């Protein structure tokens, strides 16, 4: 596949499934950064990723079980940060990364 065709497929401005996927991935990456900045500096590597489910549940993926335990104490901070970024969330669940 030519590079020009591939770049147009992955264009987040383009309509279609791939554009939607690229936009969603970018938005979730930005949410992950917002949540990380809301935490104390020593928690910098704690969050691997974040997601929001349709029911308003914020899912935070922690780097390890130790970080997950610490992040569970920060759920109100995480919810507040997500809301300040314009994300509608009601609850927060912290999970451990499988990698």
Foldseek 3Di string as FASTA:
>chain_A
DDPVVVCVQCCLVDDDDNVVVNVQVVVFVVLQVLLLVLDPPVCNQFFPTWDADPVQEIETEGAAPVSLVVCVVVFVSSCVSCVVVVRRHDYYDYHYDPD
